[in-house]
Structures are given as structure tokens and as C-alpha cells.
Amino acid sequence: MEPVSIHEAKTQFSRLVARAERGEEIVVRRGAVPVAKIVAYRPPTTPRRPGALRGQITVAEDFDEVPSGFGDYST
């Protein structure tokens, strides 16, 4: 499918959403540049389990330190 302009996407939004629901991916462009994609929403297949990675991730001791050479960027 050829990308659609932002103007066309605004005026044909309901139709584009219906096409996305049928499985099509619609690319929206600003001028000649693709900037967004309309796709059907698919809920996650498995529910999230809070704490599932407990004990598997560590945060480095120096996580909050500003790297050398970046002093001018810190607040």
C-alpha cells in the first residue's frame, strides 16, 4: 500500500482504522517523509507479572554519576 498524506489520514481516519483492523499497516507521511504508522491494536498475549525479573537485574553503584566530559550538562 502506498503511504497516505496527513491530510488524507485526517479526512479518511475511520476508513484507515477499519483497514488496520483487517490487518493492513497504513503508513502516514508528511510531504514525502513517512512519519507514523496506523496498525491494529493487539493486547498482550500473556499478562505481566510484577517482580518476574527480581534478582536478575542489578543497578551499578555509579549509576547516578555524571560521566567525565558531561559536567556542563548536569543540573
N, C-alpha and C. Protein backbone atom coordinates (compact mmCIF):
# COMPACT_ATOMS: atom_id res chain seq x y z
N MET A 1 0.84 -1.19 0.00
CA MET A 1 0.00 0.00 0.00
C MET A 1 0.88 1.23 0.00
N GLU A 2 0.51 2.18 -0.75
CA GLU A 2 1.23 3.45 -0.83
C GLU A 2 0.93 4.30 0.41
N PRO A 3 1.93 4.98 0.96
CA PRO A 3 1.69 5.83 2.13
C PRO A 3 0.65 6.92 1.84
N VAL A 4 -0.08 7.32 2.89
CA VAL A 4 -1.09 8.37 2.74
C VAL A 4 -0.58 9.65 3.39
N SER A 5 -1.03 10.78 2.89
CA SER A 5 -0.62 12.07 3.46
C SER A 5 -1.36 12.29 4.79
N ILE A 6 -0.85 13.20 5.60
CA ILE A 6 -1.50 13.52 6.86
C ILE A 6 -2.91 14.05 6.59
N HIS A 7 -3.06 14.88 5.58
CA HIS A 7 -4.39 15.42 5.25
C HIS A 7 -5.35 14.28 4.92
N GLU A 8 -4.92 13.35 4.08
CA GLU A 8 -5.77 12.22 3.73
C GLU A 8 -6.08 11.37 4.96
N ALA A 9 -5.09 11.18 5.84
CA ALA A 9 -5.31 10.39 7.06
C ALA A 9 -6.36 11.06 7.95
N LYS A 10 -6.33 12.39 8.03
CA LYS A 10 -7.32 13.09 8.85
C LYS A 10 -8.72 12.95 8.26
N THR A 11 -8.84 13.07 6.95
CA THR A 11 -10.17 13.04 6.34
C THR A 11 -10.71 11.62 6.19
N GLN A 12 -9.84 10.63 6.15
CA GLN A 12 -10.26 9.24 5.96
C GLN A 12 -9.93 8.36 7.17
N PHE A 13 -9.81 8.96 8.35
CA PHE A 13 -9.32 8.23 9.52
C PHE A 13 -10.13 6.97 9.82
N SER A 14 -11.46 7.07 9.84
CA SER A 14 -12.29 5.91 10.15
C SER A 14 -12.05 4.77 9.17
N ARG A 15 -11.93 5.10 7.90
CA ARG A 15 -11.67 4.06 6.89
C ARG A 15 -10.29 3.44 7.07
N LEU A 16 -9.31 4.27 7.39
CA LEU A 16 -7.96 3.75 7.60
C LEU A 16 -7.90 2.85 8.82
N VAL A 17 -8.62 3.21 9.88
CA VAL A 17 -8.66 2.37 11.08
C VAL A 17 -9.32 1.04 10.74
N ALA A 18 -10.38 1.06 9.96
CA ALA A 18 -11.05 -0.18 9.56
C ALA A 18 -10.09 -1.08 8.78
N ARG A 19 -9.30 -0.49 7.90
CA ARG A 19 -8.32 -1.27 7.15
C ARG A 19 -7.26 -1.85 8.07
N ALA A 20 -6.84 -1.07 9.06
CA ALA A 20 -5.86 -1.56 10.02
C ALA A 20 -6.44 -2.72 10.82
N GLU A 21 -7.71 -2.64 11.18
CA GLU A 21 -8.36 -3.74 11.90
C GLU A 21 -8.36 -5.02 11.10
N ARG A 22 -8.37 -4.91 9.80
CA ARG A 22 -8.33 -6.08 8.92
C ARG A 22 -6.90 -6.60 8.71
N GLY A 23 -5.92 -5.94 9.35
CA GLY A 23 -4.55 -6.43 9.28
C GLY A 23 -3.59 -5.62 8.44
N GLU A 24 -4.07 -4.60 7.79
CA GLU A 24 -3.21 -3.77 6.95
C GLU A 24 -2.46 -2.75 7.80
N GLU A 25 -1.24 -2.44 7.44
CA GLU A 25 -0.47 -1.38 8.08
C GLU A 25 -0.49 -0.17 7.17
N ILE A 26 -0.95 0.96 7.71
CA ILE A 26 -1.05 2.18 6.92
C ILE A 26 0.05 3.13 7.35
N VAL A 27 0.90 3.52 6.41
CA VAL A 27 1.99 4.46 6.68
C VAL A 27 1.49 5.87 6.35
N VAL A 28 1.71 6.79 7.29
CA VAL A 28 1.30 8.19 7.12
C VAL A 28 2.56 9.01 6.85
N ARG A 29 2.50 9.89 5.87
CA ARG A 29 3.67 10.68 5.52
C ARG A 29 3.40 12.17 5.65
N ARG A 30 4.44 12.91 5.96
CA ARG A 30 4.41 14.38 5.94
C ARG A 30 5.26 14.77 4.74
N GLY A 31 4.62 15.29 3.72
CA GLY A 31 5.35 15.51 2.47
C GLY A 31 5.70 14.15 1.89
N ALA A 32 6.99 13.92 1.65
CA ALA A 32 7.42 12.63 1.13
C ALA A 32 8.01 11.74 2.22
N VAL A 33 8.03 12.23 3.47
CA VAL A 33 8.71 11.51 4.55
C VAL A 33 7.70 10.74 5.41
N PRO A 34 7.84 9.41 5.51
CA PRO A 34 6.97 8.64 6.40
C PRO A 34 7.22 9.04 7.85
N VAL A 35 6.13 9.30 8.61
CA VAL A 35 6.28 9.76 9.99
C VAL A 35 5.51 8.94 11.01
N ALA A 36 4.55 8.13 10.56
CA ALA A 36 3.75 7.34 11.50
C ALA A 36 3.17 6.13 10.80
N LYS A 37 2.68 5.20 11.62
CA LYS A 37 2.05 4.01 11.07
C LYS A 37 0.79 3.71 11.87
N ILE A 38 -0.30 3.39 11.17
CA ILE A 38 -1.55 3.00 11.82
C ILE A 38 -1.64 1.48 11.72
N VAL A 39 -1.70 0.83 12.87
CA VAL A 39 -1.80 -0.64 12.92
C VAL A 39 -2.90 -1.01 13.91
N ALA A 40 -3.41 -2.22 13.78
CA ALA A 40 -4.43 -2.69 14.71
C ALA A 40 -3.81 -2.93 16.08
N TYR A 41 -4.59 -2.64 17.13
CA TYR A 41 -4.14 -2.89 18.49
C TYR A 41 -4.29 -4.38 18.79
N ARG A 42 -3.24 -4.95 19.32
CA ARG A 42 -3.27 -6.35 19.75
C ARG A 42 -2.89 -6.39 21.22
N PRO A 43 -3.82 -6.77 22.11
CA PRO A 43 -3.47 -6.81 23.52
C PRO A 43 -2.39 -7.85 23.77
N PRO A 44 -1.60 -7.67 24.83
CA PRO A 44 -0.55 -8.64 25.14
C PRO A 44 -1.16 -10.04 25.30
N THR A 45 -0.43 -11.04 24.85
CA THR A 45 -0.95 -12.41 24.92
C THR A 45 -0.83 -13.00 26.32
N THR A 46 0.15 -12.54 27.08
CA THR A 46 0.30 -13.02 28.45
C THR A 46 0.29 -11.81 29.39
N PRO A 47 -0.39 -11.94 30.52
CA PRO A 47 -0.40 -10.81 31.45
C PRO A 47 0.98 -10.60 32.07
N ARG A 48 1.26 -9.34 32.39
CA ARG A 48 2.53 -9.02 33.04
C ARG A 48 2.52 -9.54 34.46
N ARG A 49 3.68 -9.98 34.92
CA ARG A 49 3.82 -10.44 36.30
C ARG A 49 4.81 -9.52 37.01
N PRO A 50 4.32 -8.65 37.88
CA PRO A 50 5.24 -7.77 38.60
C PRO A 50 6.26 -8.59 39.38
N GLY A 51 7.51 -8.17 39.29
CA GLY A 51 8.57 -8.85 40.03
C GLY A 51 9.13 -10.08 39.34
N ALA A 52 8.74 -10.33 38.11
CA ALA A 52 9.18 -11.55 37.41
C ALA A 52 10.70 -11.59 37.23
N LEU A 53 11.37 -10.43 37.17
CA LEU A 53 12.83 -10.41 36.98
C LEU A 53 13.58 -10.08 38.27
N ARG A 54 12.89 -10.15 39.40
CA ARG A 54 13.53 -9.86 40.68
C ARG A 54 14.76 -10.75 40.86
N GLY A 55 15.87 -10.11 41.23
CA GLY A 55 17.12 -10.84 41.43
C GLY A 55 17.94 -11.04 40.17
N GLN A 56 17.39 -10.72 39.01
CA GLN A 56 18.10 -10.91 37.75
C GLN A 56 18.69 -9.61 37.21
N ILE A 57 18.28 -8.48 37.78
CA ILE A 57 18.75 -7.18 37.29
C ILE A 57 19.45 -6.47 38.44
N THR A 58 20.61 -5.91 38.14
CA THR A 58 21.33 -5.14 39.15
C THR A 58 21.61 -3.74 38.59
N VAL A 59 21.66 -2.77 39.50
CA VAL A 59 21.95 -1.39 39.12
C VAL A 59 23.36 -1.09 39.61
N ALA A 60 24.20 -0.59 38.72
CA ALA A 60 25.59 -0.30 39.06
C ALA A 60 25.68 0.75 40.16
N GLU A 61 26.71 0.64 41.00
CA GLU A 61 26.92 1.58 42.10
C GLU A 61 27.03 3.02 41.58
N ASP A 62 27.64 3.21 40.42
CA ASP A 62 27.86 4.56 39.89
C ASP A 62 26.76 4.99 38.90
N PHE A 63 25.59 4.40 39.00
CA PHE A 63 24.50 4.68 38.06
C PHE A 63 24.18 6.17 37.96
N ASP A 64 24.15 6.87 39.08
CA ASP A 64 23.76 8.28 39.09
C ASP A 64 24.91 9.25 38.84
N GLU A 65 26.12 8.76 38.70
CA GLU A 65 27.26 9.65 38.50
C GLU A 65 27.29 10.19 37.07
N VAL A 66 27.73 11.42 36.93
CA VAL A 66 27.86 12.05 35.61
C VAL A 66 29.20 11.63 35.02
N PRO A 67 29.22 11.06 33.80
CA PRO A 67 30.46 10.65 33.16
C PRO A 67 31.39 11.85 32.93
N SER A 68 32.67 11.58 32.92
CA SER A 68 33.63 12.67 32.67
C SER A 68 33.34 13.28 31.30
N GLY A 69 33.47 14.58 31.21
CA GLY A 69 33.21 15.27 29.96
C GLY A 69 31.76 15.74 29.82
N PHE A 70 30.90 15.33 30.76
CA PHE A 70 29.49 15.72 30.69
C PHE A 70 29.12 16.68 31.82
N GLY A 71 30.09 17.21 32.51
CA GLY A 71 29.83 18.09 33.63
C GLY A 71 28.99 19.30 33.27
N ASP A 72 29.18 19.85 32.07
CA ASP A 72 28.41 21.03 31.65
C ASP A 72 26.94 20.74 31.44
N TYR A 73 26.58 19.47 31.28
CA TYR A 73 25.21 19.10 31.00
C TYR A 73 24.41 18.74 32.26
N SER A 74 25.07 18.55 33.37
CA SER A 74 24.35 18.17 34.59
C SER A 74 23.63 19.39 35.18
N THR A 75 22.61 19.12 35.95
CA THR A 75 21.82 20.20 36.55
C THR A 75 22.19 20.40 38.00
